[in-house]
Protein backbone atom coordinates (compact mmCIF):
# COMPACT_ATOMS: atom_id res chain seq x y z
CA MET A 1 12.43 -12.94 -18.21
CA PRO A 2 13.39 -10.45 -15.36
CA GLU A 3 14.50 -12.16 -12.23
CA LYS A 4 12.82 -11.61 -8.71
CA VAL A 5 14.36 -8.68 -7.23
CA ASP A 6 13.81 -7.40 -3.57
CA LEU A 7 12.23 -4.19 -2.68
CA TYR A 8 10.52 -4.69 0.88
CA ASP A 9 12.87 -6.38 2.87
CA GLY A 10 15.70 -3.79 1.94
CA ALA A 11 13.02 -1.02 2.31
CA TYR A 12 12.02 -1.93 5.61
CA GLY A 13 15.32 -3.62 7.03
CA LYS A 14 17.42 -0.39 6.03
CA TYR A 15 14.61 2.21 6.70
CA ASP A 16 16.81 5.07 7.62
CA LEU A 17 19.10 4.53 4.44
CA TYR A 18 16.28 5.44 1.95
CA CYS A 19 14.89 8.39 3.76
CA GLU A 20 16.55 10.77 1.04
CA ILE A 21 14.87 8.94 -1.48
CA ARG A 22 11.50 9.07 0.07
CA LEU A 23 11.64 12.55 0.54
CA GLU A 24 12.77 13.16 -3.07
CA THR A 25 10.01 10.88 -4.56
CA TYR A 26 6.94 12.06 -2.35
CA GLY A 27 7.88 15.22 -0.83
CA GLU A 28 8.02 13.81 2.90
CA ASP A 29 9.30 10.57 4.76
CA LEU A 30 6.45 8.23 5.67
CA GLY A 31 8.13 5.02 5.05
CA GLN A 32 6.45 4.83 1.40
CA THR A 33 6.78 1.89 -0.91
CA SER A 34 3.62 2.43 -2.85
CA TRP A 35 2.05 5.14 -5.25
CA VAL A 36 0.24 7.18 -2.83
CA THR A 37 1.03 10.96 -3.26
CA THR A 38 1.14 13.27 -0.29
CA GLU A 39 -1.94 14.80 -1.21
CA GLU A 40 -3.82 11.37 -1.26
CA SER A 41 -2.45 10.41 2.11
CA TYR A 42 -3.68 13.62 3.75
CA GLU A 43 -7.08 12.72 2.14
CA ILE A 44 -7.43 9.30 3.60
CA PRO A 45 -8.64 9.99 7.21
CA ARG A 46 -11.13 12.48 5.82
CA LEU A 47 -12.54 10.14 3.29
CA LEU A 48 -12.72 7.28 6.08
CA GLU A 49 -14.38 9.73 8.32
CA ILE A 50 -11.82 9.07 11.04
CA THR A 51 -12.02 10.84 14.27
CA ARG A 52 -10.47 10.85 17.75
CA ASP A 53 -12.86 8.17 18.69
CA SER A 54 -12.20 5.89 15.86
CA VAL A 55 -10.55 2.70 15.83
CA ALA A 56 -8.81 1.84 12.56
CA LEU A 57 -7.24 -1.18 10.77
CA GLU A 58 -4.42 -0.90 8.03
CA LEU A 59 -3.78 -3.77 5.88
CA GLY A 60 -0.33 -4.07 4.58
CA CYS A 61 1.08 -1.20 7.16
CA GLY A 62 4.84 -1.94 6.06
CA SER A 63 7.06 0.24 8.08
CA GLY A 64 4.13 1.80 9.88
CA GLN A 65 5.05 5.63 9.53
CA TYR A 66 1.79 6.44 7.91
CA ALA A 67 -0.55 4.93 10.75
CA LEU A 68 1.67 6.64 13.25
CA ARG A 69 1.15 9.91 11.54
CA VAL A 70 -2.66 9.47 11.34
CA ALA A 71 -2.81 8.48 15.00
CA GLU A 72 -0.87 11.53 16.21
CA GLN A 73 -2.60 14.07 14.26
CA VAL A 74 -6.21 12.53 14.65
CA GLY A 75 -5.88 10.80 18.07
CA CYS A 76 -7.44 7.80 16.79
CA ARG A 77 -6.30 4.21 17.80
CA ILE A 78 -4.79 2.22 14.79
CA THR A 79 -3.80 -1.67 14.30
CA GLY A 80 -1.80 -2.22 11.69
CA VAL A 81 -0.60 -5.73 10.04
CA ASP A 82 1.74 -6.88 7.62
CA VAL A 83 3.40 -10.34 6.55
CA ASN A 84 6.82 -8.99 6.31
CA PRO A 85 8.57 -9.09 9.83
CA ASN A 86 11.12 -6.18 8.97
CA GLY A 87 8.21 -3.84 8.62
CA ILE A 88 6.31 -4.93 11.72
CA ARG A 89 9.90 -4.76 13.87
CA ASN A 90 10.63 -1.30 12.39
CA ALA A 91 6.92 -0.14 12.99
CA ASN A 92 6.95 -1.08 16.63
CA GLU A 93 10.38 0.55 17.14
CA LEU A 94 9.00 3.74 15.57
CA ALA A 95 5.89 3.77 17.47
CA ARG A 96 8.10 3.26 20.75
CA ARG A 97 10.46 6.06 19.49
CA ASN A 98 7.61 8.55 18.80
CA LYS A 99 5.64 7.24 22.02
CA LEU A 100 2.76 6.44 20.17
CA ASP A 101 2.52 2.67 21.20
CA SER A 102 -0.40 3.42 23.33
CA LEU A 103 -2.19 4.60 20.29
CA VAL A 104 -0.94 2.18 17.41
CA ARG A 105 0.11 -1.31 17.45
CA PHE A 106 1.50 -3.50 14.89
CA GLU A 107 1.18 -7.20 14.29
CA GLN A 108 2.71 -9.66 11.82
CA ASP A 109 -0.16 -11.56 10.00
CA ASP A 110 -1.02 -13.06 6.89
CA VAL A 111 -4.24 -11.10 5.90
CA SER A 112 -5.06 -13.82 2.91
CA LYS A 113 -6.23 -15.87 5.71
CA ARG A 114 -8.89 -15.02 8.70
CA LEU A 115 -8.22 -11.85 10.39
CA ALA A 116 -7.39 -11.98 14.00
CA PHE A 117 -10.25 -9.63 15.17
CA GLY A 118 -13.73 -10.04 16.31
CA ASP A 119 -16.68 -9.00 14.49
CA GLY A 120 -17.35 -5.32 14.32
CA THR A 121 -14.04 -4.13 15.82
CA PHE A 122 -13.05 -1.39 13.51
CA ASP A 123 -14.89 2.00 12.39
CA ALA A 124 -12.53 1.87 9.22
CA ALA A 125 -10.12 0.06 7.15
CA PHE A 126 -7.42 1.14 4.48
CA ALA A 127 -5.05 -0.68 2.32
CA ASN A 128 -2.41 1.44 0.25
CA ASP A 129 -1.33 -0.39 -2.63
CA VAL A 130 -0.94 -3.75 -1.20
CA MET A 131 -4.40 -5.36 -2.13
CA CYS A 132 -2.47 -6.84 -5.49
CA HIS A 133 -0.34 -8.78 -3.49
CA ILE A 134 -2.73 -10.74 -1.50
CA PRO A 135 -4.22 -13.84 -2.50
CA GLY A 136 -7.83 -14.55 -2.38
CA ARG A 137 -9.26 -10.85 -2.74
CA THR A 138 -12.97 -12.22 -2.25
CA GLY A 139 -12.10 -13.54 1.26
CA VAL A 140 -10.00 -10.60 2.06
CA PHE A 141 -13.24 -8.39 1.27
CA GLU A 142 -15.56 -10.39 3.22
CA GLU A 143 -13.09 -10.50 6.46
CA VAL A 144 -12.63 -6.60 6.30
CA PHE A 145 -16.62 -6.40 5.99
CA ARG A 146 -16.75 -8.81 9.06
CA VAL A 147 -14.32 -6.64 11.14
CA LEU A 148 -16.05 -3.41 10.46
CA LYS A 149 -18.72 -1.99 12.48
CA PRO A 150 -22.15 -1.15 10.54
CA GLY A 151 -21.29 2.07 8.69
CA GLY A 152 -17.73 1.45 8.64
CA ARG A 153 -15.53 2.52 5.62
CA PHE A 154 -13.05 0.73 3.46
CA LEU A 155 -10.47 2.55 1.51
CA PHE A 156 -7.94 0.92 -0.82
CA SER A 157 -5.96 1.34 -4.10
CA ASP A 158 -5.16 -0.99 -6.88
CA ALA A 159 -2.42 -0.30 -9.39
CA LEU A 160 -3.04 -3.19 -11.43
CA VAL A 161 -6.38 -2.51 -13.09
CA ILE A 162 -5.76 -3.55 -16.76
CA GLY A 163 -6.30 -0.74 -19.29
CA GLY A 164 -4.74 -2.03 -22.54
CA VAL A 165 -2.49 -4.55 -24.11
CA VAL A 166 0.40 -5.79 -21.96
CA SER A 167 3.35 -8.07 -23.04
CA GLN A 168 4.42 -11.02 -21.08
CA GLU A 169 7.77 -9.28 -20.66
CA GLU A 170 6.06 -6.25 -19.19
CA ILE A 171 3.99 -8.38 -16.92
CA ALA A 172 7.22 -10.21 -15.75
CA ALA A 173 9.04 -6.87 -15.20
CA ARG A 174 6.04 -5.52 -13.37
CA SER A 175 5.73 -8.55 -11.16
CA SER A 176 9.50 -9.09 -10.28
CA ILE A 177 9.19 -7.64 -6.69
CA GLY A 178 6.73 -10.41 -5.47
CA TYR A 179 3.08 -11.96 -5.96
CA TYR A 180 0.79 -9.98 -7.82
CA LEU A 181 -3.12 -10.19 -9.08
CA PHE A 182 -3.95 -8.27 -12.30
CA SER A 183 -7.62 -7.36 -12.76
CA PRO A 184 -10.03 -6.27 -15.53
CA PRO A 185 -11.94 -2.80 -14.96
CA GLY A 186 -14.95 -3.18 -12.85
CA GLU A 187 -13.86 -6.34 -11.02
CA ASN A 188 -13.10 -4.98 -7.82
CA GLU A 189 -16.51 -3.12 -7.70
CA ARG A 190 -18.01 -6.12 -8.60
CA LEU A 191 -16.31 -8.23 -5.55
CA LEU A 192 -16.87 -5.36 -3.15
CA THR A 193 -20.75 -5.51 -4.00
CA ALA A 194 -20.66 -9.21 -3.60
CA ALA A 195 -19.31 -8.96 -0.28
CA ALA A 196 -22.17 -6.70 0.67
CA PHE A 197 -20.13 -3.22 0.41
CA ARG A 198 -21.78 -0.21 -1.15
CA VAL A 199 -19.20 1.20 -3.43
CA LEU A 200 -19.18 4.88 -3.01
CA THR A 201 -16.51 5.99 -5.23
CA ALA A 202 -13.79 4.69 -7.56
CA ASN A 203 -11.45 7.25 -9.02
CA ASP A 204 -8.55 6.67 -11.47
CA THR A 205 -5.27 8.11 -10.21
CA SER A 206 -3.00 6.58 -12.77
CA ALA A 207 -1.54 9.83 -13.84
CA LYS A 208 -0.15 10.60 -10.29
CA SER A 209 0.92 7.15 -9.80
CA ALA A 210 3.12 7.47 -13.06
CA GLU A 211 4.71 10.45 -11.80
CA ILE A 212 5.59 9.01 -8.48
CA ALA A 213 7.38 6.08 -10.57
CA ARG A 214 9.20 8.60 -12.48
CA ARG A 215 10.57 10.46 -9.22
CA TRP A 216 11.45 7.31 -7.41
CA PHE A 217 13.55 6.15 -10.51
CA GLU A 218 15.24 9.23 -10.73
CA ALA A 219 16.00 9.54 -6.94
CA ARG A 220 17.41 6.17 -6.93
CA GLN A 221 19.51 6.72 -10.18
CA ASN A 222 20.98 9.89 -8.73
CA ARG A 223 22.44 7.55 -5.92
CA LYS A 224 23.42 4.56 -8.01
CA ASP A 225 26.91 3.93 -6.79
CA GLU A 226 25.79 4.21 -3.25
CA LEU A 227 22.91 1.80 -3.74
CA ILE A 228 24.70 -0.60 -5.71
CA MET A 229 27.06 -0.86 -2.82
CA VAL A 230 23.94 -1.87 -0.54
CA GLU A 231 21.73 -3.75 -2.84
CA GLY A 232 24.15 -5.39 -5.44
CA ALA A 233 24.18 -4.45 -8.97
CA ASN A 234 21.74 -7.03 -10.00
CA ASN A 235 18.98 -5.94 -7.51
CA PHE A 236 19.59 -2.39 -8.18
CA GLU A 237 19.02 -2.74 -11.86
CA GLY A 238 16.30 -4.99 -11.34
CA LEU A 239 14.33 -2.19 -8.94
CA GLN A 240 15.23 0.30 -11.85
CA ARG A 241 13.66 -1.91 -14.42
CA PHE A 242 10.62 -2.32 -12.30
CA LEU A 243 10.15 1.57 -11.77
CA SER A 244 10.58 2.14 -15.52
CA CYS A 245 8.07 -0.43 -16.29
CA VAL A 246 5.54 1.08 -13.92
CA HIS A 247 5.98 4.54 -15.19
CA THR A 248 5.61 3.39 -19.02
CA LEU A 249 2.61 1.06 -18.36
CA THR A 250 0.63 3.52 -16.13
CA SER A 251 1.40 6.76 -18.02
CA GLU A 252 0.26 4.92 -20.92
CA HIS A 253 -2.71 3.78 -19.40
CA ARG A 254 -2.31 0.10 -20.10
CA LEU A 255 -2.25 -0.50 -16.26
CA LEU A 256 -4.54 1.71 -14.27
CA ARG A 257 -4.43 2.58 -10.71
CA TYR A 258 -7.92 3.13 -8.77
CA LEU A 259 -8.62 4.48 -5.39
CA TYR A 260 -11.73 2.92 -4.11
CA LEU A 261 -13.84 3.86 -1.34
CA ALA A 262 -16.66 1.40 0.08
CA GLN A 263 -19.02 1.34 3.12
CA LYS A 264 -20.49 -1.43 5.34
CA THR A 265 -24.38 -0.48 5.15
CA SER A 266 -25.65 -3.19 7.71
């Protein structure tokens, strides 16, 4: 079975080192460690109906660059939370460096527990490819519902919707970078509805995420010697195996990625 390998500590702790890889993978550098295309990232504020007067919450903000871009472009206020201390440290440094700390703040928090915000605090909430890492999805949805204002929108993606037969070796490789939850088709919609959300859309974005995995793999492979010096040979090969597995399973539609948009109607 594949050993556990590090993705997030390295990506956030050595943020600048991986800039060229992010540019080659996504076309722009927003500190990404996800399957979100550039086109999708530009659509998120529109889908959430975020305006200059909005207050938004990002679950799993990572290095914070995406929240900072939205705040800079729209003028809204955003709070980002993440369990990874390297990500939060980097995010707050970027906020200060870009003089956006009056609009955006980042806090280290475990979002599998009760959120440290009052009822009806936010106009919108979003999570880019992090929901599959968080235990207790029912509780997470209930907490997001609680902290949203009536009419508030919630957008998240899940790249681990089961679409076909997956072997235990493939599951192990796909899970090698951390904790994961796999879900059957329709389960996210069911859990959102149970939490009193109204599901607006559920779109299959698997083909695009498979392409991201391919580009990411190739961008890293092109810098193999340099990355082995930084990551070590075992971790480098482990991450390449992970990315190859993502590409294979997603391109063959054995694991699906869906983008969900829901609304608090009461």
